[in-house]
Amino acid sequence: MRTRLRFLVVFMALMCLLGWVGRGWGQKSNPSRKVWEYKVGAAAIQGTGSVQDRLNELGAEGWELVSVENVQTAIPPSAVYYLKRARE
């Protein structure tokens, strides 16, 4: 019984070690990794028309809205827009 338990413990430890060490095996560097460019600020969406229209225009240009932060300390209160798109 004790021999089986030792064998099981050693076997599991080896499997864990091989799984940890083997993670990088067969993996190439990721040449298709995307590089992003960002647009930040209320000015990022300023333009004629509504905020929704401007965001739709930016979306057509490849920009993706990531986050919006309300700024209560500004007078009048405003929002900061964070956008990103894949750099070509």
Protein backbone atom coordinates (compact mmCIF):
# COMPACT_ATOMS: atom_id res chain seq x y z
CA MET A 1 0.00 0.00 0.00
CA ARG A 2 2.79 2.39 0.95
CA THR A 3 4.69 1.62 -2.27
CA ARG A 4 1.61 2.36 -4.36
CA LEU A 5 1.08 5.64 -2.55
CA ARG A 6 4.70 6.68 -3.13
CA PHE A 7 4.45 5.69 -6.77
CA LEU A 8 1.26 7.72 -7.14
CA VAL A 9 2.78 10.79 -5.47
CA VAL A 10 5.95 10.60 -7.59
CA PHE A 11 3.89 10.01 -10.73
CA MET A 12 1.64 13.02 -10.02
CA ALA A 13 4.65 15.21 -9.24
CA LEU A 14 6.29 14.23 -12.54
CA MET A 15 3.10 14.88 -14.45
CA CYS A 16 2.79 18.33 -12.88
CA LEU A 17 6.43 19.09 -13.62
CA LEU A 18 6.15 17.94 -17.23
CA GLY A 19 2.98 19.97 -17.67
CA TRP A 20 4.66 23.07 -16.28
CA VAL A 21 7.91 22.66 -18.23
CA GLY A 22 6.17 21.58 -21.41
CA ARG A 23 3.98 24.65 -21.73
CA GLY A 24 6.44 26.40 -24.00
CA TRP A 25 7.30 23.37 -26.12
CA GLY A 26 5.99 23.58 -29.65
CA GLN A 27 4.86 27.17 -29.25
CA LYS A 28 6.29 29.74 -31.58
CA SER A 29 6.52 33.42 -30.91
CA ASN A 30 3.26 35.06 -31.83
CA PRO A 31 3.91 37.01 -35.05
CA SER A 32 0.21 37.77 -35.39
CA ARG A 33 0.12 39.60 -32.08
CA LYS A 34 -1.79 42.83 -32.53
CA VAL A 35 -0.34 46.21 -31.78
CA TRP A 36 -2.88 48.76 -30.63
CA GLU A 37 -3.16 52.51 -30.92
CA TYR A 38 -5.33 54.51 -28.56
CA LYS A 39 -7.47 57.63 -28.52
CA VAL A 40 -8.27 59.15 -25.12
CA GLY A 41 -10.31 62.15 -24.05
CA ALA A 42 -13.52 64.01 -24.64
CA ALA A 43 -11.93 65.46 -27.77
CA ALA A 44 -11.80 61.97 -29.22
CA ILE A 45 -15.54 62.07 -29.85
CA GLN A 46 -16.10 65.78 -30.47
CA GLY A 47 -17.59 66.67 -33.80
CA THR A 48 -20.90 67.53 -35.34
CA GLY A 49 -23.95 65.52 -34.39
CA SER A 50 -24.63 63.34 -31.38
CA VAL A 51 -22.15 61.30 -29.37
CA GLN A 52 -23.75 58.17 -30.81
CA ASP A 53 -23.21 59.40 -34.38
CA ARG A 54 -19.57 60.25 -33.65
CA LEU A 55 -18.95 56.85 -32.02
CA ASN A 56 -20.48 55.17 -35.08
CA GLU A 57 -18.12 57.17 -37.33
CA LEU A 58 -15.14 56.15 -35.22
CA GLY A 59 -16.32 52.53 -35.29
CA ALA A 60 -16.39 52.67 -39.08
CA GLU A 61 -12.75 53.84 -38.94
CA GLY A 62 -11.85 50.76 -36.88
CA TRP A 63 -11.95 52.35 -33.40
CA GLU A 64 -13.46 50.33 -30.55
CA LEU A 65 -14.83 52.03 -27.43
CA VAL A 66 -13.11 50.38 -24.47
CA SER A 67 -14.26 52.48 -21.53
CA VAL A 68 -16.00 55.69 -20.49
CA GLU A 69 -15.10 57.58 -17.34
CA ASN A 70 -17.41 60.20 -15.87
CA VAL A 71 -15.58 63.32 -14.70
CA GLN A 72 -17.67 64.97 -12.00
CA THR A 73 -15.03 67.54 -11.07
CA ALA A 74 -15.25 69.26 -14.45
CA ILE A 75 -17.68 72.12 -14.97
CA PRO A 76 -19.94 71.09 -16.59
CA PRO A 77 -19.51 67.38 -15.77
CA SER A 78 -18.18 65.50 -18.77
CA ALA A 79 -16.88 62.12 -19.83
CA VAL A 80 -13.52 60.80 -20.97
CA TYR A 81 -13.68 58.22 -23.75
CA TYR A 82 -11.05 55.49 -24.24
CA LEU A 83 -10.87 53.97 -27.71
CA LYS A 84 -8.48 51.51 -29.36
CA ARG A 85 -7.85 49.99 -32.78
CA ALA A 86 -5.34 47.63 -34.28
CA ARG A 87 -2.36 49.45 -35.74
CA GLU A 88 -1.72 48.57 -39.35
